[in-house]
Structure formats: structure tokens, C-alpha cells
Protein backbone atom coordinates (compact mmCIF):
# COMPACT_ATOMS: atom_id res chain seq x y z
CA MET A 1 79.08 96.64 83.39
CA ILE A 2 80.07 99.81 81.10
CA ARG A 3 77.23 102.13 80.44
CA THR A 4 77.52 103.84 77.00
CA THR A 5 75.90 106.65 75.63
CA HIS A 6 75.40 108.17 72.12
CA ARG A 7 75.14 111.50 70.71
CA TRP A 8 71.10 111.99 70.15
CA PRO A 9 69.69 113.56 67.20
CA PRO A 10 68.44 117.31 67.20
CA LEU A 11 64.53 116.29 67.57
CA ALA A 12 64.97 113.81 70.27
CA LEU A 13 67.12 116.29 72.21
CA ALA A 14 64.49 118.97 71.82
CA VAL A 15 62.08 116.47 72.94
CA LEU A 16 64.18 115.60 75.97
CA PHE A 17 64.79 119.38 77.08
CA LEU A 18 61.06 120.05 77.17
CA ALA A 19 60.64 117.18 79.44
CA THR A 20 63.24 118.09 81.84
CA ALA A 21 63.34 121.85 81.62
CA CYS A 22 61.90 122.06 85.48
CA THR A 23 64.86 119.67 87.05
CA ALA A 24 67.15 121.29 84.92
CA ALA A 25 66.84 124.60 86.09
CA ALA A 26 67.65 123.03 89.61
CA ASP A 27 70.94 121.58 88.64
CA THR A 28 74.24 123.20 90.23
CA SER A 29 76.94 124.00 88.60
CA THR A 30 80.73 123.08 89.34
CA GLY A 31 84.20 123.57 88.22
CA THR A 32 83.93 124.95 84.60
CA GLY A 33 80.32 125.68 85.06
CA THR A 34 78.66 122.41 83.53
CA SER A 35 76.03 120.01 85.13
CA GLY A 36 74.92 116.83 85.28
CA SER A 37 76.66 114.17 83.26
CA GLU A 38 79.00 117.20 82.27
CA ALA A 39 80.09 118.03 85.75
CA ALA A 40 83.66 119.04 86.09
CA THR A 41 83.74 116.93 89.30
CA PRO A 42 80.82 114.47 88.87
CA SER A 43 79.65 113.06 92.48
CA PRO A 44 80.17 109.47 93.17
CA SER A 45 77.40 107.27 92.00
CA PRO A 46 75.51 105.59 94.75
CA THR A 47 76.72 102.06 93.43
CA PRO A 48 79.23 100.68 95.63
CA SER A 49 81.10 99.67 92.22
CA ALA A 50 83.55 101.83 89.84
CA ASP A 51 79.93 102.07 87.53
CA ALA A 52 81.92 103.01 84.33
CA ALA A 53 79.99 104.74 81.78
CA VAL A 54 81.53 105.83 78.47
CA ARG A 55 80.04 108.90 76.98
CA PRO A 56 80.60 111.37 73.76
CA VAL A 57 82.37 114.36 74.04
CA SER A 58 79.93 117.22 74.01
CA ASP A 59 80.05 120.22 72.16
CA ALA A 60 80.61 122.50 75.20
CA GLN A 61 83.52 120.29 76.25
CA TRP A 62 85.06 120.26 72.76
CA GLN A 63 85.04 123.87 72.77
CA ARG A 64 86.86 124.18 75.91
CA MET A 65 89.39 121.90 74.94
CA LYS A 66 89.71 124.41 71.80
CA ASP A 67 89.75 127.22 74.42
CA ALA A 68 92.61 125.67 76.01
CA GLY A 69 94.58 125.05 72.77
CA MET A 70 94.21 121.42 72.80
CA VAL A 71 92.78 121.53 70.09
CA ARG A 72 94.63 123.11 67.14
CA ALA A 73 95.96 123.01 63.65
CA GLY A 74 98.84 120.30 63.35
CA CYS A 75 96.80 118.38 66.05
CA PRO A 76 95.93 114.81 65.04
CA VAL A 77 92.50 114.85 66.71
CA THR A 78 89.80 117.36 64.55
CA ALA A 79 86.50 116.01 65.77
CA PRO A 80 85.05 115.20 69.12
CA ASP A 81 83.84 112.27 67.80
CA GLN A 82 87.61 111.01 67.81
CA LEU A 83 87.38 110.91 71.25
CA SER A 84 85.35 109.39 74.50
CA ARG A 85 84.30 110.55 78.05
CA VAL A 86 84.91 108.02 80.37
CA GLU A 87 83.26 108.74 83.64
CA ILE A 88 84.04 106.14 86.49
CA ASN A 89 84.21 105.64 90.13
CA HIS A 90 88.38 105.58 91.91
CA HIS A 91 89.32 105.32 95.45
CA GLY A 92 90.91 108.36 96.63
CA PHE A 93 93.94 108.88 99.08
CA ASP A 94 91.53 110.01 101.28
CA GLY A 95 89.79 106.92 101.74
CA LYS A 96 86.73 107.96 100.14
CA VAL A 97 85.15 107.21 96.77
CA HIS A 98 85.21 109.82 94.23
CA ARG A 99 83.75 110.24 90.55
CA GLY A 100 86.54 111.18 87.90
CA VAL A 101 86.75 111.68 83.98
CA ILE A 102 89.34 110.71 81.72
CA VAL A 103 89.19 111.67 77.88
CA VAL A 104 90.63 109.16 75.66
CA HIS A 105 90.38 108.08 71.81
CA ALA A 106 87.39 106.46 71.13
CA ASP A 107 88.94 103.47 70.32
CA THR A 108 90.18 102.74 73.58
CA ALA A 109 87.18 104.07 75.65
CA ASP A 110 86.15 100.34 76.37
CA SER A 111 89.28 98.96 77.30
CA VAL A 112 89.71 102.32 79.83
CA ALA A 113 86.67 101.51 81.34
CA ARG A 114 87.51 97.74 82.35
CA VAL A 115 90.99 98.62 83.30
CA PHE A 116 89.80 101.31 85.72
CA THR A 117 86.98 98.90 86.85
CA GLU A 118 89.49 96.28 87.76
CA LEU A 119 91.64 98.91 89.66
CA PHE A 120 88.79 100.11 91.62
CA ASP A 121 87.70 96.54 92.47
CA GLU A 122 91.52 96.11 93.60
CA GLY A 123 91.23 99.29 95.73
CA PHE A 124 93.98 101.04 94.23
CA PRO A 125 93.95 104.55 95.02
CA ILE A 126 93.85 107.63 92.33
CA ARG A 127 94.69 111.15 93.63
CA GLN A 128 92.23 112.53 91.33
CA MET A 129 91.28 112.18 87.63
CA LYS A 130 90.13 115.35 85.68
CA PRO A 131 90.39 116.18 81.98
CA LEU A 132 93.13 118.44 80.75
CA GLU A 133 91.51 121.51 79.54
CA GLU A 134 90.43 121.93 83.57
CA PHE A 135 94.39 122.69 83.85
CA GLY A 136 94.09 125.12 80.87
CA GLY A 137 95.77 122.22 78.39
CA ASP A 138 99.08 123.09 80.50
CA SER A 139 100.52 119.39 81.38
CA ASN A 140 102.82 120.46 84.23
CA ALA A 141 100.22 121.91 85.96
CA SER A 142 98.20 118.50 85.85
CA LEU A 143 101.37 116.45 86.61
CA ALA A 144 101.91 118.88 89.51
CA ALA A 145 98.65 118.30 91.07
CA ASP A 146 99.17 114.43 90.66
CA ASN A 147 96.12 114.11 88.19
CA THR A 148 95.53 110.92 86.40
CA ALA A 149 94.46 112.01 82.33
CA ALA A 150 94.94 111.11 79.11
CA PHE A 151 94.08 113.28 75.91
CA ASN A 152 96.36 116.01 75.32
CA CYS A 153 97.87 117.93 72.52
CA ARG A 154 100.53 119.71 74.40
CA ARG A 155 101.96 122.78 74.23
CA LEU A 156 104.85 123.29 71.99
CA ASP A 157 107.44 123.77 74.92
CA GLN A 158 105.76 121.07 76.66
CA ILE A 159 105.94 118.16 73.57
CA ASN A 160 108.07 115.05 74.22
CA ALA A 161 106.75 113.74 70.58
CA PRO A 162 105.92 115.31 67.41
CA ALA A 163 101.80 115.92 67.66
CA LEU A 164 100.85 113.72 64.97
CA GLU A 165 102.64 110.43 66.52
CA SER A 166 102.06 111.62 70.14
CA PRO A 167 100.14 109.07 71.74
CA HIS A 168 98.68 111.79 74.09
CA ALA A 169 97.91 113.97 71.55
CA ASN A 170 95.85 110.95 69.73
CA GLY A 171 94.41 110.25 73.47
CA ARG A 172 96.06 106.73 73.47
CA ALA A 173 98.17 107.32 76.53
CA ILE A 174 96.92 107.27 80.11
CA ASP A 175 99.47 109.26 82.95
CA ILE A 176 98.63 107.52 86.28
CA ASN A 177 99.36 109.41 89.81
CA PRO A 178 102.17 111.27 88.27
CA VAL A 179 103.75 112.58 91.89
CA GLU A 180 104.06 108.80 92.78
CA ASN A 181 105.37 107.68 89.37
CA PRO A 182 107.18 110.27 88.04
CA TRP A 183 109.19 110.60 84.74
CA LYS A 184 112.65 111.82 84.03
CA ASP A 185 112.65 114.58 81.64
CA LEU A 186 116.09 114.73 80.04
CA ARG A 187 115.59 118.28 78.70
CA CYS A 188 116.52 119.33 82.33
CA LYS A 189 118.04 116.16 83.63
CA CYS A 190 115.19 116.39 86.42
CA TRP A 191 112.29 114.06 87.55
CA LYS A 192 108.75 115.55 87.04
CA PRO A 193 106.66 116.23 88.91
CA GLY A 194 109.44 115.70 91.34
CA VAL A 195 112.20 113.23 92.71
CA GLU A 196 110.74 111.86 95.89
CA ASN A 197 109.26 108.91 94.41
CA SER A 198 111.64 108.28 91.34
CA ALA A 199 112.64 105.11 93.46
CA ARG A 200 110.78 101.83 92.39
CA THR A 201 109.90 100.68 95.67
CA GLU A 202 106.50 99.93 97.52
CA GLY A 203 104.07 102.70 98.12
CA LYS A 204 100.65 103.85 97.94
CA GLY A 205 99.61 105.01 94.62
CA LYS A 206 102.88 103.55 93.03
CA ILE A 207 103.38 101.49 89.53
CA LEU A 208 105.68 98.71 89.76
CA GLU A 209 106.40 96.41 87.00
CA GLY A 210 104.28 92.97 87.98
CA GLY A 211 101.83 94.59 90.02
CA ALA A 212 98.16 95.25 89.76
CA VAL A 213 98.45 98.14 87.74
CA TRP A 214 101.13 96.82 85.38
CA ARG A 215 99.31 93.25 84.91
CA THR A 216 95.35 95.16 84.23
CA PHE A 217 96.94 97.38 81.62
CA THR A 218 99.36 94.90 79.89
CA ASP A 219 96.52 92.19 79.89
CA GLU A 220 94.55 94.54 77.80
CA GLY A 221 97.51 94.92 75.38
CA TRP A 222 98.76 98.50 76.88
CA ILE A 223 102.62 99.18 77.39
CA TRP A 224 104.53 101.03 80.36
CA GLN A 225 106.75 103.46 79.83
CA ASN A 226 107.03 102.96 76.07
CA ILE A 227 109.90 105.82 76.18
CA ASP A 228 113.67 105.62 76.34
CA VAL A 229 113.78 107.40 79.92
CA PRO A 230 111.86 106.25 83.05
CA ASP A 231 108.38 106.94 82.88
CA TYR A 232 106.54 105.43 85.68
CA MET A 233 103.18 107.17 85.16
CA HIS A 234 102.87 106.19 81.57
CA PHE A 235 100.72 103.50 79.21
CA ASP A 236 100.49 103.82 75.90
CA THR A 237 99.14 101.50 72.98
CA GLY A 238 102.41 101.99 70.91
CA TYR A 239 104.41 104.55 69.34
CA PRO A 240 104.11 106.57 67.17
CA SER A 241 100.41 106.40 68.13
CA LYS A 242 98.89 103.32 66.85
CA PRO A 243 95.05 102.31 67.22
CA TYR A 244 94.30 100.22 70.20
CA THR A 245 94.43 96.05 69.16
CA GLY A 246 93.99 94.53 72.55
CA PRO A 247 91.05 92.66 73.95
CA GLY A 248 87.62 93.61 72.18
CA ALA A 249 89.13 95.91 69.83
CA THR A 250 86.95 97.32 66.99
CA ALA A 251 87.74 99.07 64.03
CA SER A 252 87.59 102.98 64.76
CA PRO A 253 85.54 105.03 61.66
CA ALA A 254 86.54 108.20 63.56
CA ASP A 255 90.08 107.50 63.42
CA GLY A 256 92.58 110.26 62.86
CA SER A 257 95.19 110.83 60.45
CA GLY A 258 97.89 110.50 63.41
CA GLY A 259 96.29 107.17 64.56
CA ALA A 260 98.90 104.99 62.52
């Protein structure tokens, strides 16, 4: 089951705050200084399942994205309600279960939750899953850390497509285990983040055509390697960025100008 939460009106938030003030004082901050469901690296839920939860992007997280330069003039996402935060358990390379966070366009969130739930059930390992603002919006740093991530209006020296057309800038592209599934950057004629896993052979955390990851995403209507060069980590909903139209798709009133 996928849990979904929504933004609460100010009065309800005030009542909740008063009711939980004592327990909130005991919360421990991690990573970027947030706590509870907004923790940078949330703890896995006790449920032995993916336990997916779709949540809104909070004002605090939105500010962190702005501070990292991921939200700026010329980018297609202009308001936090265009995005959703998917929190989900995943199997790590260390054999343990970890709680990950991936930020995607709101119209893809339910599909993303279903996909990563199925990958959890398949036992597919994911090194880590953190929002790009935890890497200062630096796509290369996220790739080098083998981080699975989605939304990022990339820096001008890191873009691979005009921002309004970019699937990543619209939150409709996901890069999975970049070290195990690199892409070929023709600007330097090199593999990023490295060449060691460029061969499409069986391996831990690798994506192969016809394999479990490929089947799970394509069954949901996602496209693998939607680019003219090898990009084994990458799935998106179309280029130029297109609203999600796969199973369970609904109209997205928060869609930005870059979504068509």
C-alpha cells in the first residue's frame, strides 16, 4: 500500500503543533538538520516491506532546493506543489534495509512508488537514494556517490538538454545506481561516473534490457535510455518532458510550462 499525505491548513497545523510540542523537542536532527518525516536520511520503517509514502515537498525542503540553485529563473518547476517526495524502503548493497527519499514530479509519484515497491519485493539493491539538494544540486557529485535520484534543474555546465525540455528538470526522469549503470558523455568522450561498469553484463545493481528493473519501469510506461548515447541509469516519461501517461495516470493541475 502507498501512503499519501497532503498539506494541512494553518489552523490544523497549529493544533497539531501544540499537541506534539513535547515529543517534537525530543526529535534528533540528521543530515541537513531536519527531523521526523523530513529527515535527510530517514530510518527504515519497522514494516518488512517497501512501505512507500508519497508526501508533499515542505517549505523547508523547497528552500533547500532554492539554496542549491535547483529552482531558479528559466527552470520549469516554479512551485513546490509541482513535486512530490516519495519515501520508501530499499535494499542496500550492504544487505540491510534503508529508507530512501526521491523527489519527482507530482504526476509521476504514484508510479514511482509502485515501481520501487516492486523493486524492493524483487530484492534489487540500491546504493542510496537522496534528494539532489543534499549534494548542493551538483549532478556529478550525486552520480559519483552512486546516488539514485530524480528532480534537478541542473547547473548550466551540467545540463544535457534545455531546462524546459529536460526530463530531470521537470522531475520526470530517474537515474538508478549510476556507478553500476553509467552514461556516455560525448563532450568528454568518457563514461560518467566511470567506465568500469560500461559493459552490459550481469552484476549487482545493474540494469539490463529485459531484466527486472527494465520490466518494472517499462510496464509502467517509462522509457529506458531516452537519449542518443548509452545512458544505462536513466528512465523518463518522454522527451521533451511529457506528463506521465502510464497506468493510473491522472491530470496534473500543478503541471508546469515545461511539462509538454
